[in-house]
Amino acid sequence: MSALAPSPKETIIRQPGEGKSLRCFGGNMRYLVTGAETGGWLSAGIFDAPPDNGPPLHVHSNEDELFIIIEGTFAIFTNGEWTECGPGATVFLPRDKPHTFKNVGTTSGKLCVITNPPGMESFFDQCEEPFYRENGPDMEAITGIAENHGIRFL
């Protein structure tokens, strides 16, 4: 068993709506805690996804992810199949496991995204500008950013 990262020494309390928010991949991510705030232990955010929204099939080589569905209905693709999940559903996605998700509901959906170790916040920060260019997303730039963060689109 590997050693855990040192636990942060400060309590972090975020009230609803607090935390850095940015547009990403057609939705919005609001950070609850970042890796810098947790001493490199984890990052967590709320992703607000409009209907029919979700990332391309991808794999992370650096972090494990945990999704907790807060609102709406999401289909999660992993292990070669789709599984529909509603509020309260929890999905653990170990690193190196191809996956994606999609809001399959008719209204905006929210899911909590927790990663260990952190680092996804840097990925989303760097992708905001190339995703929202006037002529559409610059997928070459986004793919390069993804590769620099150990993420491969499949």
N, C-alpha and C. Protein backbone atom coordinates (compact mmCIF):
# COMPACT_ATOMS: atom_id res chain seq x y z
N MET A 1 0.84 -1.17 0.00
CA MET A 1 0.00 0.00 0.00
C MET A 1 0.89 1.24 0.00
N SER A 2 0.54 2.22 -0.84
CA SER A 2 1.35 3.43 -0.92
C SER A 2 0.97 4.39 0.21
N ALA A 3 1.90 5.26 0.54
CA ALA A 3 1.66 6.24 1.61
C ALA A 3 0.70 7.31 1.12
N LEU A 4 -0.14 7.77 2.01
CA LEU A 4 -1.07 8.84 1.68
C LEU A 4 -0.36 10.18 1.71
N ALA A 5 -0.87 11.11 0.91
CA ALA A 5 -0.35 12.48 0.96
C ALA A 5 -0.68 13.06 2.33
N PRO A 6 0.14 13.97 2.81
CA PRO A 6 -0.15 14.58 4.12
C PRO A 6 -1.51 15.27 4.09
N SER A 7 -2.24 15.14 5.16
CA SER A 7 -3.55 15.76 5.26
C SER A 7 -3.39 17.27 5.41
N PRO A 8 -4.26 18.06 4.77
CA PRO A 8 -4.18 19.50 4.94
C PRO A 8 -4.43 19.88 6.39
N LYS A 9 -3.91 21.00 6.79
CA LYS A 9 -4.02 21.44 8.18
C LYS A 9 -5.14 22.45 8.42
N GLU A 10 -5.76 22.93 7.35
CA GLU A 10 -6.79 23.95 7.49
C GLU A 10 -8.15 23.40 7.05
N THR A 11 -9.17 23.76 7.79
CA THR A 11 -10.54 23.43 7.42
C THR A 11 -10.97 24.31 6.26
N ILE A 12 -11.70 23.75 5.33
CA ILE A 12 -12.22 24.50 4.19
C ILE A 12 -13.74 24.39 4.22
N ILE A 13 -14.42 25.51 4.24
CA ILE A 13 -15.88 25.52 4.18
C ILE A 13 -16.29 26.40 3.02
N ARG A 14 -17.05 25.83 2.09
CA ARG A 14 -17.59 26.58 0.95
C ARG A 14 -19.11 26.54 1.07
N GLN A 15 -19.71 27.68 1.02
CA GLN A 15 -21.16 27.77 1.02
C GLN A 15 -21.66 27.54 -0.42
N PRO A 16 -22.95 27.17 -0.58
CA PRO A 16 -23.49 26.97 -1.93
C PRO A 16 -23.21 28.18 -2.82
N GLY A 17 -22.73 27.90 -4.01
CA GLY A 17 -22.44 28.94 -4.98
C GLY A 17 -21.04 29.52 -4.87
N GLU A 18 -20.32 29.21 -3.79
CA GLU A 18 -18.96 29.71 -3.65
C GLU A 18 -17.99 28.80 -4.39
N GLY A 19 -16.80 29.30 -4.63
CA GLY A 19 -15.76 28.55 -5.34
C GLY A 19 -15.62 29.06 -6.76
N LYS A 20 -14.43 28.91 -7.29
CA LYS A 20 -14.15 29.36 -8.66
C LYS A 20 -15.02 28.59 -9.64
N SER A 21 -15.57 29.30 -10.59
CA SER A 21 -16.44 28.71 -11.59
C SER A 21 -15.92 29.03 -12.98
N LEU A 22 -15.97 28.07 -13.88
CA LEU A 22 -15.56 28.34 -15.26
C LEU A 22 -16.34 27.46 -16.22
N ARG A 23 -16.45 27.96 -17.43
CA ARG A 23 -17.11 27.20 -18.49
C ARG A 23 -16.16 26.11 -18.95
N CYS A 24 -16.68 24.93 -19.16
CA CYS A 24 -15.83 23.88 -19.70
C CYS A 24 -16.67 22.83 -20.42
N PHE A 25 -16.25 22.53 -21.62
CA PHE A 25 -16.83 21.46 -22.42
C PHE A 25 -18.35 21.55 -22.51
N GLY A 26 -18.86 22.76 -22.73
CA GLY A 26 -20.29 22.95 -22.93
C GLY A 26 -21.08 23.06 -21.65
N GLY A 27 -20.43 22.90 -20.51
CA GLY A 27 -21.11 23.02 -19.22
C GLY A 27 -20.39 24.02 -18.35
N ASN A 28 -20.53 23.85 -17.05
CA ASN A 28 -19.88 24.75 -16.11
C ASN A 28 -19.34 23.92 -14.94
N MET A 29 -18.08 24.20 -14.55
CA MET A 29 -17.47 23.53 -13.41
C MET A 29 -17.24 24.56 -12.31
N ARG A 30 -17.72 24.24 -11.11
CA ARG A 30 -17.47 25.09 -9.94
C ARG A 30 -16.65 24.27 -8.96
N TYR A 31 -15.43 24.74 -8.68
CA TYR A 31 -14.54 24.02 -7.77
C TYR A 31 -15.03 24.17 -6.34
N LEU A 32 -15.10 23.06 -5.65
CA LEU A 32 -15.41 23.06 -4.22
C LEU A 32 -14.12 23.16 -3.42
N VAL A 33 -13.13 22.35 -3.79
CA VAL A 33 -11.79 22.42 -3.22
C VAL A 33 -10.80 22.05 -4.32
N THR A 34 -9.61 22.64 -4.25
CA THR A 34 -8.57 22.37 -5.24
C THR A 34 -7.43 21.60 -4.59
N GLY A 35 -6.57 21.05 -5.41
CA GLY A 35 -5.40 20.35 -4.91
C GLY A 35 -4.51 21.25 -4.07
N ALA A 36 -4.39 22.52 -4.47
CA ALA A 36 -3.57 23.45 -3.68
C ALA A 36 -4.14 23.64 -2.28
N GLU A 37 -5.46 23.61 -2.17
CA GLU A 37 -6.11 23.81 -0.87
C GLU A 37 -6.08 22.56 0.00
N THR A 38 -5.97 21.38 -0.62
CA THR A 38 -6.02 20.13 0.14
C THR A 38 -4.64 19.50 0.31
N GLY A 39 -3.59 20.25 0.06
CA GLY A 39 -2.25 19.71 0.21
C GLY A 39 -1.94 18.60 -0.77
N GLY A 40 -2.54 18.68 -1.96
CA GLY A 40 -2.29 17.66 -2.98
C GLY A 40 -3.05 16.37 -2.76
N TRP A 41 -4.09 16.41 -1.93
CA TRP A 41 -4.81 15.18 -1.61
C TRP A 41 -5.94 14.89 -2.58
N LEU A 42 -6.77 15.89 -2.91
CA LEU A 42 -7.87 15.69 -3.85
C LEU A 42 -8.35 17.01 -4.37
N SER A 43 -9.18 16.94 -5.41
CA SER A 43 -9.92 18.11 -5.87
C SER A 43 -11.37 17.68 -6.03
N ALA A 44 -12.28 18.63 -5.91
CA ALA A 44 -13.70 18.32 -6.06
C ALA A 44 -14.40 19.52 -6.67
N GLY A 45 -15.38 19.24 -7.50
CA GLY A 45 -16.16 20.30 -8.12
C GLY A 45 -17.54 19.79 -8.49
N ILE A 46 -18.41 20.73 -8.80
CA ILE A 46 -19.75 20.43 -9.28
C ILE A 46 -19.78 20.78 -10.76
N PHE A 47 -20.09 19.78 -11.60
CA PHE A 47 -20.22 20.01 -13.03
C PHE A 47 -21.70 20.12 -13.35
N ASP A 48 -22.08 21.24 -13.96
CA ASP A 48 -23.46 21.49 -14.37
C ASP A 48 -23.50 21.26 -15.88
N ALA A 49 -24.23 20.22 -16.28
CA ALA A 49 -24.26 19.81 -17.69
C ALA A 49 -25.65 20.02 -18.29
N PRO A 50 -25.75 20.75 -19.40
CA PRO A 50 -27.04 20.86 -20.07
C PRO A 50 -27.43 19.52 -20.69
N PRO A 51 -28.69 19.37 -21.10
CA PRO A 51 -29.10 18.11 -21.74
C PRO A 51 -28.21 17.78 -22.93
N ASP A 52 -27.98 16.50 -23.11
CA ASP A 52 -27.19 15.95 -24.24
C ASP A 52 -25.71 16.33 -24.15
N ASN A 53 -25.23 16.72 -22.98
CA ASN A 53 -23.85 17.15 -22.81
C ASN A 53 -23.02 16.05 -22.16
N GLY A 54 -21.79 15.92 -22.61
CA GLY A 54 -20.84 15.01 -22.00
C GLY A 54 -19.55 15.02 -22.80
N PRO A 55 -18.45 14.59 -22.19
CA PRO A 55 -17.16 14.60 -22.87
C PRO A 55 -17.02 13.41 -23.81
N PRO A 56 -16.04 13.44 -24.71
CA PRO A 56 -15.77 12.27 -25.54
C PRO A 56 -15.22 11.13 -24.66
N LEU A 57 -15.29 9.93 -25.18
CA LEU A 57 -14.71 8.78 -24.49
C LEU A 57 -13.23 9.07 -24.24
N HIS A 58 -12.79 8.83 -23.01
CA HIS A 58 -11.41 9.17 -22.65
C HIS A 58 -10.92 8.29 -21.50
N VAL A 59 -9.62 8.40 -21.23
CA VAL A 59 -9.01 7.66 -20.14
C VAL A 59 -8.01 8.57 -19.43
N HIS A 60 -7.99 8.48 -18.10
CA HIS A 60 -7.04 9.23 -17.28
C HIS A 60 -5.93 8.28 -16.83
N SER A 61 -4.69 8.68 -16.97
CA SER A 61 -3.60 7.85 -16.47
C SER A 61 -3.10 8.32 -15.12
N ASN A 62 -3.50 9.54 -14.69
CA ASN A 62 -2.96 10.11 -13.46
C ASN A 62 -3.88 10.07 -12.26
N GLU A 63 -5.20 10.03 -12.47
CA GLU A 63 -6.10 10.14 -11.32
C GLU A 63 -7.28 9.20 -11.42
N ASP A 64 -7.81 8.86 -10.24
CA ASP A 64 -9.08 8.16 -10.12
C ASP A 64 -10.16 9.23 -10.00
N GLU A 65 -11.37 8.90 -10.46
CA GLU A 65 -12.49 9.84 -10.35
C GLU A 65 -13.64 9.20 -9.60
N LEU A 66 -14.36 10.03 -8.90
CA LEU A 66 -15.59 9.61 -8.24
C LEU A 66 -16.67 10.61 -8.65
N PHE A 67 -17.77 10.10 -9.21
CA PHE A 67 -18.92 10.93 -9.57
C PHE A 67 -20.03 10.65 -8.56
N ILE A 68 -20.70 11.69 -8.12
CA ILE A 68 -21.91 11.56 -7.33
C ILE A 68 -22.97 12.39 -8.04
N ILE A 69 -24.02 11.74 -8.53
CA ILE A 69 -25.07 12.45 -9.27
C ILE A 69 -25.91 13.23 -8.26
N ILE A 70 -26.04 14.53 -8.50
CA ILE A 70 -26.79 15.40 -7.60
C ILE A 70 -28.18 15.69 -8.15
N GLU A 71 -28.26 16.05 -9.42
CA GLU A 71 -29.53 16.35 -10.08
C GLU A 71 -29.50 15.79 -11.49
N GLY A 72 -30.64 15.38 -12.00
CA GLY A 72 -30.75 14.96 -13.38
C GLY A 72 -30.47 13.48 -13.56
N THR A 73 -30.39 13.10 -14.83
CA THR A 73 -30.14 11.71 -15.20
C THR A 73 -28.96 11.66 -16.14
N PHE A 74 -27.97 10.88 -15.77
CA PHE A 74 -26.76 10.72 -16.57
C PHE A 74 -26.61 9.27 -16.97
N ALA A 75 -26.12 9.07 -18.19
CA ALA A 75 -25.69 7.74 -18.62
C ALA A 75 -24.17 7.72 -18.52
N ILE A 76 -23.65 6.70 -17.87
CA ILE A 76 -22.21 6.54 -17.68
C ILE A 76 -21.76 5.38 -18.54
N PHE A 77 -20.72 5.58 -19.34
CA PHE A 77 -20.18 4.50 -20.16
C PHE A 77 -18.85 4.05 -19.56
N THR A 78 -18.79 2.81 -19.13
CA THR A 78 -17.57 2.19 -18.63
C THR A 78 -17.73 0.67 -18.73
N ASN A 79 -16.65 -0.03 -18.77
CA ASN A 79 -16.69 -1.49 -18.91
C ASN A 79 -17.47 -1.93 -20.14
N GLY A 80 -17.46 -1.09 -21.20
CA GLY A 80 -18.10 -1.45 -22.46
C GLY A 80 -19.61 -1.33 -22.48
N GLU A 81 -20.22 -0.70 -21.46
CA GLU A 81 -21.67 -0.57 -21.47
C GLU A 81 -22.13 0.73 -20.82
N TRP A 82 -23.33 1.14 -21.18
CA TRP A 82 -23.95 2.34 -20.62
C TRP A 82 -24.83 1.95 -19.44
N THR A 83 -24.75 2.77 -18.38
CA THR A 83 -25.61 2.58 -17.21
C THR A 83 -26.23 3.92 -16.87
N GLU A 84 -27.57 3.95 -16.77
CA GLU A 84 -28.25 5.18 -16.44
C GLU A 84 -28.24 5.38 -14.92
N CYS A 85 -27.95 6.62 -14.49
CA CYS A 85 -27.82 6.93 -13.07
C CYS A 85 -28.57 8.22 -12.76
N GLY A 86 -29.30 8.21 -11.63
CA GLY A 86 -30.02 9.39 -11.18
C GLY A 86 -29.46 9.91 -9.88
N PRO A 87 -30.13 10.90 -9.29
CA PRO A 87 -29.65 11.52 -8.06
C PRO A 87 -29.32 10.50 -6.97
N GLY A 88 -28.14 10.69 -6.38
CA GLY A 88 -27.68 9.79 -5.32
C GLY A 88 -26.79 8.67 -5.81
N ALA A 89 -26.76 8.42 -7.12
CA ALA A 89 -25.90 7.36 -7.65
C ALA A 89 -24.43 7.78 -7.52
N THR A 90 -23.59 6.79 -7.25
CA THR A 90 -22.15 7.02 -7.10
C THR A 90 -21.42 6.14 -8.09
N VAL A 91 -20.44 6.71 -8.77
CA VAL A 91 -19.66 5.99 -9.78
C VAL A 91 -18.18 6.20 -9.49
N PHE A 92 -17.45 5.12 -9.21
CA PHE A 92 -16.01 5.20 -9.03
C PHE A 92 -15.35 4.74 -10.32
N LEU A 93 -14.45 5.57 -10.85
CA LEU A 93 -13.75 5.28 -12.10
C LEU A 93 -12.25 5.26 -11.84
N PRO A 94 -11.65 4.06 -11.75
CA PRO A 94 -10.21 4.01 -11.52
C PRO A 94 -9.44 4.51 -12.74
N ARG A 95 -8.25 5.03 -12.48
CA ARG A 95 -7.41 5.48 -13.59
C ARG A 95 -7.20 4.33 -14.58
N ASP A 96 -6.92 4.68 -15.81
CA ASP A 96 -6.68 3.74 -16.91
C ASP A 96 -7.93 2.98 -17.33
N LYS A 97 -9.12 3.43 -16.90
CA LYS A 97 -10.39 2.79 -17.29
C LYS A 97 -11.13 3.73 -18.24
N PRO A 98 -11.26 3.39 -19.52
CA PRO A 98 -11.98 4.26 -20.46
C PRO A 98 -13.41 4.52 -19.98
N HIS A 99 -13.85 5.77 -20.13
CA HIS A 99 -15.20 6.13 -19.68
C HIS A 99 -15.65 7.44 -20.33
N THR A 100 -16.92 7.69 -20.20
CA THR A 100 -17.52 8.96 -20.55
C THR A 100 -18.85 9.05 -19.82
N PHE A 101 -19.50 10.19 -19.94
CA PHE A 101 -20.84 10.34 -19.39
C PHE A 101 -21.62 11.30 -20.27
N LYS A 102 -22.94 11.27 -20.12
CA LYS A 102 -23.79 12.15 -20.90
C LYS A 102 -25.05 12.43 -20.09
N ASN A 103 -25.46 13.72 -20.07
CA ASN A 103 -26.73 14.07 -19.45
C ASN A 103 -27.82 13.62 -20.41
N VAL A 104 -28.58 12.60 -20.03
CA VAL A 104 -29.63 12.06 -20.89
C VAL A 104 -31.02 12.58 -20.49
N GLY A 105 -31.05 13.50 -19.54
CA GLY A 105 -32.32 14.09 -19.12
C GLY A 105 -32.73 15.25 -20.01
N THR A 106 -33.87 15.83 -19.70
CA THR A 106 -34.39 16.95 -20.48
C THR A 106 -34.09 18.29 -19.82
N THR A 107 -33.47 18.26 -18.64
CA THR A 107 -33.09 19.48 -17.93
C THR A 107 -31.61 19.40 -17.57
N SER A 108 -31.05 20.51 -17.13
CA SER A 108 -29.66 20.55 -16.70
C SER A 108 -29.46 19.55 -15.56
N GLY A 109 -28.30 18.90 -15.57
CA GLY A 109 -27.96 17.95 -14.53
C GLY A 109 -26.69 18.37 -13.83
N LYS A 110 -26.52 17.90 -12.59
CA LYS A 110 -25.32 18.25 -11.81
C LYS A 110 -24.71 16.98 -11.25
N LEU A 111 -23.39 16.93 -11.38
CA LEU A 111 -22.68 15.83 -10.73
C LEU A 111 -21.44 16.37 -10.04
N CYS A 112 -21.18 15.80 -8.87
CA CYS A 112 -19.97 16.13 -8.12
C CYS A 112 -18.85 15.27 -8.69
N VAL A 113 -17.73 15.88 -9.00
CA VAL A 113 -16.57 15.18 -9.55
C VAL A 113 -15.42 15.33 -8.55
N ILE A 114 -14.97 14.20 -8.02
CA ILE A 114 -13.86 14.19 -7.06
C ILE A 114 -12.72 13.43 -7.69
N THR A 115 -11.52 14.00 -7.66
CA THR A 115 -10.35 13.31 -8.22
C THR A 115 -9.25 13.19 -7.18
N ASN A 116 -8.57 12.06 -7.27
CA ASN A 116 -7.40 11.81 -6.41
C ASN A 116 -6.36 11.11 -7.25
N PRO A 117 -5.16 11.65 -7.33
CA PRO A 117 -4.76 12.95 -6.81
C PRO A 117 -5.40 14.06 -7.64
N PRO A 118 -5.28 15.31 -7.17
CA PRO A 118 -5.85 16.43 -7.91
C PRO A 118 -5.06 16.72 -9.17
N GLY A 119 -5.56 17.66 -9.95
CA GLY A 119 -4.89 18.07 -11.18
C GLY A 119 -5.87 18.42 -12.27
N MET A 120 -7.10 17.90 -12.16
CA MET A 120 -8.09 18.19 -13.18
C MET A 120 -8.43 19.67 -13.26
N GLU A 121 -8.32 20.38 -12.14
CA GLU A 121 -8.64 21.80 -12.17
C GLU A 121 -7.71 22.55 -13.12
N SER A 122 -6.45 22.14 -13.19
CA SER A 122 -5.50 22.75 -14.12
C SER A 122 -5.90 22.44 -15.57
N PHE A 123 -6.33 21.22 -15.81
CA PHE A 123 -6.79 20.83 -17.15
C PHE A 123 -7.96 21.70 -17.59
N PHE A 124 -9.00 21.80 -16.74
CA PHE A 124 -10.17 22.60 -17.10
C PHE A 124 -9.82 24.06 -17.28
N ASP A 125 -8.98 24.62 -16.41
CA ASP A 125 -8.55 26.01 -16.54
C ASP A 125 -7.91 26.25 -17.91
N GLN A 126 -7.02 25.36 -18.33
CA GLN A 126 -6.30 25.54 -19.59
C GLN A 126 -7.19 25.31 -20.81
N CYS A 127 -8.26 24.52 -20.66
CA CYS A 127 -9.14 24.22 -21.80
C CYS A 127 -10.22 25.27 -22.05
N GLU A 128 -10.48 26.12 -21.07
CA GLU A 128 -11.60 27.07 -21.22
C GLU A 128 -11.45 27.93 -22.48
N GLU A 129 -10.29 28.56 -22.66
CA GLU A 129 -10.11 29.46 -23.81
C GLU A 129 -10.16 28.72 -25.15
N PRO A 130 -9.41 27.62 -25.34
CA PRO A 130 -9.49 26.97 -26.66
C PRO A 130 -10.84 26.31 -26.95
N PHE A 131 -11.61 26.02 -25.92
CA PHE A 131 -12.92 25.41 -26.18
C PHE A 131 -13.92 26.45 -26.68
N TYR A 132 -13.83 27.67 -26.18
CA TYR A 132 -14.83 28.69 -26.50
C TYR A 132 -14.32 29.73 -27.48
N ARG A 133 -13.62 29.30 -28.51
CA ARG A 133 -13.16 30.21 -29.56
C ARG A 133 -14.31 30.56 -30.49
N GLU A 134 -14.19 31.71 -31.13
CA GLU A 134 -15.25 32.21 -32.00
C GLU A 134 -15.63 31.21 -33.10
N ASN A 135 -14.65 30.54 -33.67
CA ASN A 135 -14.91 29.59 -34.77
C ASN A 135 -15.11 28.16 -34.27
N GLY A 136 -15.38 27.99 -32.99
CA GLY A 136 -15.59 26.66 -32.42
C GLY A 136 -14.34 26.17 -31.70
N PRO A 137 -14.49 25.05 -31.01
CA PRO A 137 -13.37 24.53 -30.21
C PRO A 137 -12.14 24.20 -31.05
N ASP A 138 -10.98 24.49 -30.49
CA ASP A 138 -9.70 24.11 -31.10
C ASP A 138 -9.32 22.76 -30.50
N MET A 139 -9.81 21.68 -31.14
CA MET A 139 -9.62 20.34 -30.58
C MET A 139 -8.16 19.91 -30.59
N GLU A 140 -7.36 20.44 -31.51
CA GLU A 140 -5.94 20.11 -31.50
C GLU A 140 -5.28 20.65 -30.23
N ALA A 141 -5.60 21.88 -29.88
CA ALA A 141 -5.05 22.47 -28.64
C ALA A 141 -5.58 21.72 -27.42
N ILE A 142 -6.87 21.41 -27.40
CA ILE A 142 -7.47 20.70 -26.26
C ILE A 142 -6.86 19.31 -26.11
N THR A 143 -6.64 18.63 -27.22
CA THR A 143 -6.02 17.29 -27.17
C THR A 143 -4.60 17.38 -26.61
N GLY A 144 -3.87 18.42 -27.00
CA GLY A 144 -2.51 18.61 -26.47
C GLY A 144 -2.53 18.88 -24.97
N ILE A 145 -3.47 19.71 -24.52
CA ILE A 145 -3.60 19.99 -23.09
C ILE A 145 -3.95 18.71 -22.35
N ALA A 146 -4.87 17.94 -22.92
CA ALA A 146 -5.26 16.67 -22.30
C ALA A 146 -4.06 15.74 -22.16
N GLU A 147 -3.29 15.60 -23.22
CA GLU A 147 -2.12 14.71 -23.16
C GLU A 147 -1.13 15.16 -22.10
N ASN A 148 -0.95 16.48 -21.94
CA ASN A 148 -0.06 17.01 -20.91
C ASN A 148 -0.55 16.69 -19.49
N HIS A 149 -1.84 16.37 -19.36
CA HIS A 149 -2.43 16.03 -18.07
C HIS A 149 -2.71 14.53 -17.94
N GLY A 150 -2.14 13.73 -18.84
CA GLY A 150 -2.34 12.28 -18.74
C GLY A 150 -3.72 11.81 -19.14
N ILE A 151 -4.40 12.59 -20.01
CA ILE A 151 -5.74 12.23 -20.47
C ILE A 151 -5.65 11.96 -21.96
N ARG A 152 -6.23 10.85 -22.38
CA ARG A 152 -6.26 10.49 -23.80
C ARG A 152 -7.70 10.36 -24.25
N PHE A 153 -8.06 11.10 -25.33
CA PHE A 153 -9.37 10.92 -25.94
C PHE A 153 -9.30 9.71 -26.86
N LEU A 154 -10.31 8.86 -26.78
CA LEU A 154 -10.29 7.61 -27.57
C LEU A 154 -11.21 7.70 -28.76
